[in-house]
Amino acid sequence: MAVPRILSVGQCGFDHGSLTRALAGRLNAQITAADTFEDALSELRAGGYDLLLVNRVTDLDGSLGLELIQTVKADPELAGTPTMLVSDLAKAQEEAVALGALPGFGKSGMNDPKTVSRIGASLVRTEKD
């Protein structure tokens, strides 16, 4: 079985490290960082990602993660990529799901076993596709 690949967009260095520590070992996943939407779209088009994690507001330039989710879900080439918003704000999570994202999680819950399980379930689903 191939190592699942997760693209994490817009996290600061500290949060990317926290995500990597929380997920890499528990899910045997490779987590790659993208600072900007342009970088993220380029990475996604190159292929091979099993999950896209999008910060609500990108650290580098303050872009809104919901805009990236909307762009990804509107692109026939990328729309099938499972996507989650990283935000503790319930309203932002609702908006992301309305755009086609899976229920995401907040940074405060990234070490919660339920969060890790939900992320793992999204990776298993993509392996079966």
N, C-alpha and C. Protein backbone atom coordinates (compact mmCIF):
# COMPACT_ATOMS: atom_id res chain seq x y z
N MET A 1 0.84 -1.17 0.00
CA MET A 1 0.00 0.00 0.00
C MET A 1 0.90 1.24 0.00
N ALA A 2 0.57 2.20 -0.84
CA ALA A 2 1.34 3.43 -0.95
C ALA A 2 1.12 4.31 0.28
N VAL A 3 2.11 5.10 0.59
CA VAL A 3 2.01 6.05 1.70
C VAL A 3 1.06 7.17 1.27
N PRO A 4 0.01 7.44 2.06
CA PRO A 4 -0.91 8.52 1.70
C PRO A 4 -0.18 9.86 1.72
N ARG A 5 -0.55 10.72 0.76
CA ARG A 5 0.05 12.04 0.65
C ARG A 5 -0.99 13.10 0.97
N ILE A 6 -0.63 13.99 1.90
CA ILE A 6 -1.51 15.07 2.31
C ILE A 6 -0.84 16.39 1.97
N LEU A 7 -1.58 17.28 1.32
CA LEU A 7 -1.09 18.62 1.02
C LEU A 7 -1.72 19.58 2.02
N SER A 8 -0.88 20.27 2.78
CA SER A 8 -1.32 21.21 3.80
C SER A 8 -1.04 22.63 3.30
N VAL A 9 -2.10 23.43 3.19
CA VAL A 9 -1.97 24.75 2.57
C VAL A 9 -2.19 25.86 3.59
N GLY A 10 -1.23 26.79 3.61
CA GLY A 10 -1.40 28.03 4.35
C GLY A 10 -1.10 27.99 5.83
N GLN A 11 -0.52 26.91 6.32
CA GLN A 11 -0.18 26.83 7.74
C GLN A 11 1.13 27.58 7.99
N CYS A 12 1.26 28.17 9.15
CA CYS A 12 2.57 28.71 9.54
C CYS A 12 3.50 27.52 9.82
N GLY A 13 4.77 27.79 9.94
CA GLY A 13 5.74 26.72 10.16
C GLY A 13 5.44 25.90 11.40
N PHE A 14 5.07 26.57 12.49
CA PHE A 14 4.77 25.88 13.74
C PHE A 14 3.57 24.94 13.55
N ASP A 15 2.49 25.45 12.93
CA ASP A 15 1.29 24.62 12.75
C ASP A 15 1.54 23.48 11.76
N HIS A 16 2.34 23.72 10.73
CA HIS A 16 2.67 22.64 9.80
C HIS A 16 3.43 21.54 10.54
N GLY A 17 4.36 21.95 11.40
CA GLY A 17 5.09 20.96 12.20
C GLY A 17 4.17 20.19 13.12
N SER A 18 3.23 20.88 13.73
CA SER A 18 2.27 20.22 14.62
C SER A 18 1.40 19.23 13.85
N LEU A 19 0.93 19.64 12.67
CA LEU A 19 0.14 18.73 11.84
C LEU A 19 0.96 17.51 11.44
N THR A 20 2.18 17.75 11.05
CA THR A 20 3.04 16.64 10.64
C THR A 20 3.25 15.67 11.79
N ARG A 21 3.54 16.20 12.97
CA ARG A 21 3.73 15.31 14.14
C ARG A 21 2.44 14.57 14.49
N ALA A 22 1.31 15.25 14.37
CA ALA A 22 0.04 14.64 14.74
C ALA A 22 -0.39 13.57 13.75
N LEU A 23 -0.07 13.74 12.48
CA LEU A 23 -0.63 12.85 11.46
C LEU A 23 0.36 11.87 10.83
N ALA A 24 1.58 12.29 10.63
CA ALA A 24 2.52 11.45 9.88
C ALA A 24 2.70 10.07 10.51
N GLY A 25 2.97 10.04 11.80
CA GLY A 25 3.19 8.76 12.45
C GLY A 25 1.92 7.95 12.62
N ARG A 26 0.86 8.61 13.03
CA ARG A 26 -0.40 7.90 13.30
C ARG A 26 -1.04 7.34 12.03
N LEU A 27 -0.85 8.05 10.92
CA LEU A 27 -1.51 7.63 9.68
C LEU A 27 -0.52 7.14 8.63
N ASN A 28 0.75 7.08 9.00
CA ASN A 28 1.79 6.71 8.05
C ASN A 28 1.64 7.53 6.77
N ALA A 29 1.51 8.84 6.93
CA ALA A 29 1.27 9.74 5.80
C ALA A 29 2.44 10.69 5.61
N GLN A 30 2.58 11.15 4.38
CA GLN A 30 3.56 12.18 4.04
C GLN A 30 2.80 13.50 3.93
N ILE A 31 3.22 14.50 4.69
CA ILE A 31 2.56 15.80 4.67
C ILE A 31 3.48 16.80 4.00
N THR A 32 2.98 17.44 2.95
CA THR A 32 3.72 18.44 2.20
C THR A 32 3.07 19.79 2.41
N ALA A 33 3.89 20.83 2.58
CA ALA A 33 3.37 22.18 2.79
C ALA A 33 3.34 22.96 1.48
N ALA A 34 2.29 23.77 1.34
CA ALA A 34 2.20 24.76 0.26
C ALA A 34 1.83 26.08 0.92
N ASP A 35 2.57 27.13 0.63
CA ASP A 35 2.33 28.42 1.27
C ASP A 35 1.22 29.22 0.62
N THR A 36 1.08 29.09 -0.69
CA THR A 36 0.11 29.91 -1.42
C THR A 36 -0.86 29.04 -2.19
N PHE A 37 -1.95 29.65 -2.62
CA PHE A 37 -2.93 28.92 -3.42
C PHE A 37 -2.32 28.50 -4.75
N GLU A 38 -1.50 29.37 -5.34
CA GLU A 38 -0.84 29.03 -6.60
C GLU A 38 0.02 27.78 -6.44
N ASP A 39 0.79 27.73 -5.36
CA ASP A 39 1.62 26.55 -5.08
C ASP A 39 0.74 25.31 -4.89
N ALA A 40 -0.35 25.48 -4.16
CA ALA A 40 -1.25 24.35 -3.88
C ALA A 40 -1.86 23.81 -5.17
N LEU A 41 -2.34 24.70 -6.02
CA LEU A 41 -2.97 24.26 -7.27
C LEU A 41 -1.95 23.57 -8.17
N SER A 42 -0.74 24.07 -8.19
CA SER A 42 0.32 23.45 -8.98
C SER A 42 0.62 22.04 -8.45
N GLU A 43 0.74 21.91 -7.14
CA GLU A 43 0.99 20.60 -6.52
C GLU A 43 -0.16 19.62 -6.82
N LEU A 44 -1.39 20.11 -6.67
CA LEU A 44 -2.55 19.24 -6.90
C LEU A 44 -2.61 18.79 -8.36
N ARG A 45 -2.32 19.69 -9.27
CA ARG A 45 -2.35 19.33 -10.70
C ARG A 45 -1.25 18.34 -11.06
N ALA A 46 -0.15 18.38 -10.32
CA ALA A 46 0.92 17.41 -10.54
C ALA A 46 0.48 16.02 -10.10
N GLY A 47 -0.52 15.97 -9.23
CA GLY A 47 -1.15 14.70 -8.85
C GLY A 47 -0.52 14.01 -7.66
N GLY A 48 -1.22 12.98 -7.25
CA GLY A 48 -0.71 12.12 -6.21
C GLY A 48 -1.09 12.46 -4.79
N TYR A 49 -1.98 13.44 -4.59
CA TYR A 49 -2.39 13.78 -3.22
C TYR A 49 -3.71 13.11 -2.88
N ASP A 50 -3.77 12.58 -1.66
CA ASP A 50 -4.95 11.87 -1.18
C ASP A 50 -5.86 12.75 -0.34
N LEU A 51 -5.34 13.89 0.12
CA LEU A 51 -6.12 14.79 0.95
C LEU A 51 -5.52 16.18 0.89
N LEU A 52 -6.40 17.18 0.86
CA LEU A 52 -6.00 18.58 0.89
C LEU A 52 -6.51 19.18 2.20
N LEU A 53 -5.59 19.73 3.00
CA LEU A 53 -5.94 20.43 4.23
C LEU A 53 -5.69 21.91 4.01
N VAL A 54 -6.72 22.73 4.19
CA VAL A 54 -6.64 24.15 3.87
C VAL A 54 -6.86 24.98 5.14
N ASN A 55 -5.90 25.84 5.46
CA ASN A 55 -6.05 26.74 6.59
C ASN A 55 -7.13 27.77 6.26
N ARG A 56 -7.88 28.19 7.26
CA ARG A 56 -8.96 29.17 7.04
C ARG A 56 -8.42 30.46 6.49
N VAL A 57 -7.27 30.92 7.01
CA VAL A 57 -6.59 32.12 6.51
C VAL A 57 -5.12 31.74 6.36
N THR A 58 -4.58 31.92 5.15
CA THR A 58 -3.20 31.51 4.94
C THR A 58 -2.23 32.41 5.69
N ASP A 59 -1.20 31.80 6.21
CA ASP A 59 -0.21 32.51 7.01
C ASP A 59 0.58 33.51 6.17
N LEU A 60 0.95 33.14 4.95
CA LEU A 60 1.84 33.97 4.15
C LEU A 60 1.19 35.26 3.65
N ASP A 61 -0.03 35.14 3.09
CA ASP A 61 -0.62 36.34 2.47
C ASP A 61 -2.05 36.65 2.91
N GLY A 62 -2.57 35.90 3.87
CA GLY A 62 -3.90 36.20 4.39
C GLY A 62 -5.05 35.80 3.48
N SER A 63 -4.78 35.00 2.46
CA SER A 63 -5.86 34.53 1.57
C SER A 63 -6.84 33.67 2.36
N LEU A 64 -8.09 33.68 1.92
CA LEU A 64 -9.14 32.91 2.60
C LEU A 64 -9.21 31.50 2.04
N GLY A 65 -9.08 30.53 2.94
CA GLY A 65 -9.09 29.13 2.55
C GLY A 65 -10.35 28.70 1.83
N LEU A 66 -11.49 29.31 2.17
CA LEU A 66 -12.74 28.96 1.50
C LEU A 66 -12.66 29.24 0.00
N GLU A 67 -11.89 30.25 -0.39
CA GLU A 67 -11.72 30.55 -1.81
C GLU A 67 -10.97 29.43 -2.52
N LEU A 68 -9.97 28.88 -1.88
CA LEU A 68 -9.23 27.76 -2.48
C LEU A 68 -10.13 26.54 -2.57
N ILE A 69 -10.89 26.27 -1.53
CA ILE A 69 -11.81 25.12 -1.58
C ILE A 69 -12.80 25.29 -2.73
N GLN A 70 -13.34 26.48 -2.88
CA GLN A 70 -14.28 26.74 -3.97
C GLN A 70 -13.61 26.52 -5.33
N THR A 71 -12.39 26.99 -5.49
CA THR A 71 -11.66 26.81 -6.74
C THR A 71 -11.40 25.34 -7.03
N VAL A 72 -10.96 24.61 -6.03
CA VAL A 72 -10.67 23.18 -6.20
C VAL A 72 -11.94 22.42 -6.56
N LYS A 73 -13.01 22.67 -5.86
CA LYS A 73 -14.25 21.92 -6.08
C LYS A 73 -14.92 22.29 -7.40
N ALA A 74 -14.60 23.46 -7.96
CA ALA A 74 -15.17 23.87 -9.25
C ALA A 74 -14.34 23.36 -10.43
N ASP A 75 -13.16 22.84 -10.17
CA ASP A 75 -12.26 22.37 -11.22
C ASP A 75 -12.45 20.87 -11.42
N PRO A 76 -12.96 20.45 -12.59
CA PRO A 76 -13.22 19.02 -12.81
C PRO A 76 -12.00 18.12 -12.59
N GLU A 77 -10.82 18.64 -12.85
CA GLU A 77 -9.60 17.87 -12.67
C GLU A 77 -9.26 17.65 -11.20
N LEU A 78 -9.67 18.59 -10.34
CA LEU A 78 -9.29 18.56 -8.93
C LEU A 78 -10.44 18.27 -7.97
N ALA A 79 -11.66 18.37 -8.46
CA ALA A 79 -12.85 18.31 -7.59
C ALA A 79 -12.93 17.03 -6.76
N GLY A 80 -12.37 15.95 -7.24
CA GLY A 80 -12.44 14.68 -6.52
C GLY A 80 -11.46 14.57 -5.36
N THR A 81 -10.59 15.54 -5.20
CA THR A 81 -9.62 15.50 -4.11
C THR A 81 -10.33 15.77 -2.79
N PRO A 82 -10.31 14.82 -1.87
CA PRO A 82 -10.92 15.08 -0.55
C PRO A 82 -10.24 16.30 0.08
N THR A 83 -11.06 17.18 0.62
CA THR A 83 -10.57 18.45 1.14
C THR A 83 -11.18 18.72 2.51
N MET A 84 -10.37 19.25 3.43
CA MET A 84 -10.84 19.63 4.76
C MET A 84 -10.33 21.01 5.09
N LEU A 85 -11.16 21.79 5.78
CA LEU A 85 -10.75 23.09 6.27
C LEU A 85 -10.16 22.92 7.67
N VAL A 86 -9.06 23.62 7.93
CA VAL A 86 -8.45 23.63 9.26
C VAL A 86 -8.88 24.94 9.92
N SER A 87 -9.85 24.83 10.81
CA SER A 87 -10.38 26.01 11.52
C SER A 87 -11.21 25.54 12.71
N ASP A 88 -11.10 26.29 13.80
CA ASP A 88 -11.93 26.02 14.97
C ASP A 88 -13.29 26.69 14.87
N LEU A 89 -13.51 27.50 13.85
CA LEU A 89 -14.77 28.25 13.71
C LEU A 89 -15.85 27.40 13.05
N ALA A 90 -16.93 27.14 13.78
CA ALA A 90 -18.02 26.30 13.27
C ALA A 90 -18.62 26.87 11.99
N LYS A 91 -18.81 28.17 11.91
CA LYS A 91 -19.39 28.78 10.72
C LYS A 91 -18.50 28.54 9.49
N ALA A 92 -17.21 28.69 9.65
CA ALA A 92 -16.28 28.44 8.55
C ALA A 92 -16.34 26.97 8.12
N GLN A 93 -16.45 26.06 9.09
CA GLN A 93 -16.57 24.64 8.76
C GLN A 93 -17.85 24.38 7.96
N GLU A 94 -18.94 24.99 8.38
CA GLU A 94 -20.22 24.83 7.65
C GLU A 94 -20.09 25.34 6.23
N GLU A 95 -19.45 26.47 6.05
CA GLU A 95 -19.28 27.03 4.71
C GLU A 95 -18.41 26.11 3.85
N ALA A 96 -17.36 25.56 4.43
CA ALA A 96 -16.48 24.65 3.69
C ALA A 96 -17.24 23.41 3.24
N VAL A 97 -18.04 22.84 4.12
CA VAL A 97 -18.83 21.65 3.77
C VAL A 97 -19.83 22.00 2.67
N ALA A 98 -20.44 23.19 2.75
CA ALA A 98 -21.38 23.62 1.72
C ALA A 98 -20.70 23.74 0.35
N LEU A 99 -19.39 24.02 0.35
CA LEU A 99 -18.63 24.12 -0.90
C LEU A 99 -18.16 22.76 -1.42
N GLY A 100 -18.36 21.71 -0.62
CA GLY A 100 -17.97 20.37 -1.06
C GLY A 100 -16.86 19.73 -0.26
N ALA A 101 -16.38 20.41 0.77
CA ALA A 101 -15.32 19.84 1.61
C ALA A 101 -15.92 18.82 2.58
N LEU A 102 -15.07 17.95 3.06
CA LEU A 102 -15.45 17.05 4.14
C LEU A 102 -15.42 17.85 5.45
N PRO A 103 -16.13 17.40 6.48
CA PRO A 103 -16.01 18.08 7.77
C PRO A 103 -14.56 18.11 8.21
N GLY A 104 -14.08 19.30 8.54
CA GLY A 104 -12.68 19.47 8.91
C GLY A 104 -12.47 19.47 10.41
N PHE A 105 -11.47 20.20 10.85
CA PHE A 105 -11.10 20.22 12.26
C PHE A 105 -10.36 21.50 12.54
N GLY A 106 -10.29 21.83 13.81
CA GLY A 106 -9.53 23.00 14.24
C GLY A 106 -8.17 22.61 14.76
N LYS A 107 -7.29 23.57 14.81
CA LYS A 107 -5.94 23.30 15.31
C LYS A 107 -5.97 22.80 16.74
N SER A 108 -6.96 23.25 17.51
CA SER A 108 -7.05 22.80 18.90
C SER A 108 -7.39 21.31 18.99
N GLY A 109 -7.93 20.74 17.92
CA GLY A 109 -8.32 19.34 17.93
C GLY A 109 -7.47 18.43 17.08
N MET A 110 -6.33 18.92 16.59
CA MET A 110 -5.57 18.10 15.65
C MET A 110 -4.96 16.86 16.29
N ASN A 111 -4.82 16.84 17.59
CA ASN A 111 -4.30 15.65 18.27
C ASN A 111 -5.41 14.77 18.84
N ASP A 112 -6.64 15.18 18.66
CA ASP A 112 -7.79 14.42 19.14
C ASP A 112 -7.90 13.12 18.33
N PRO A 113 -8.02 11.97 18.99
CA PRO A 113 -8.15 10.71 18.26
C PRO A 113 -9.31 10.71 17.26
N LYS A 114 -10.40 11.43 17.55
CA LYS A 114 -11.52 11.49 16.61
C LYS A 114 -11.12 12.21 15.33
N THR A 115 -10.33 13.26 15.46
CA THR A 115 -9.85 13.99 14.29
C THR A 115 -8.94 13.09 13.45
N VAL A 116 -8.00 12.44 14.09
CA VAL A 116 -7.07 11.55 13.39
C VAL A 116 -7.86 10.44 12.70
N SER A 117 -8.86 9.90 13.37
CA SER A 117 -9.69 8.85 12.79
C SER A 117 -10.45 9.35 11.56
N ARG A 118 -11.01 10.56 11.65
CA ARG A 118 -11.76 11.14 10.52
C ARG A 118 -10.83 11.37 9.32
N ILE A 119 -9.63 11.87 9.60
CA ILE A 119 -8.67 12.08 8.51
C ILE A 119 -8.27 10.73 7.92
N GLY A 120 -8.00 9.77 8.78
CA GLY A 120 -7.65 8.43 8.29
C GLY A 120 -8.74 7.81 7.44
N ALA A 121 -10.00 8.02 7.82
CA ALA A 121 -11.13 7.49 7.05
C ALA A 121 -11.17 8.13 5.66
N SER A 122 -10.84 9.41 5.56
CA SER A 122 -10.85 10.06 4.25
C SER A 122 -9.74 9.50 3.36
N LEU A 123 -8.62 9.10 3.96
CA LEU A 123 -7.52 8.53 3.19
C LEU A 123 -7.86 7.11 2.72
N VAL A 124 -8.53 6.34 3.57
CA VAL A 124 -8.92 4.98 3.19
C VAL A 124 -9.90 5.04 2.03
N ARG A 125 -10.82 5.99 2.09
CA ARG A 125 -11.81 6.12 1.03
C ARG A 125 -11.14 6.39 -0.30
N THR A 126 -10.09 7.25 -0.32
CA THR A 126 -9.45 7.56 -1.59
C THR A 126 -8.65 6.37 -2.11
N GLU A 127 -8.16 5.52 -1.22
CA GLU A 127 -7.43 4.33 -1.68
C GLU A 127 -8.34 3.37 -2.41
N LYS A 128 -9.62 3.36 -2.06
CA LYS A 128 -10.59 2.44 -2.68
C LYS A 128 -11.09 2.96 -4.02
N ASP A 129 -10.98 4.29 -4.23
CA ASP A 129 -11.48 4.88 -5.48
C ASP A 129 -10.71 4.43 -6.68
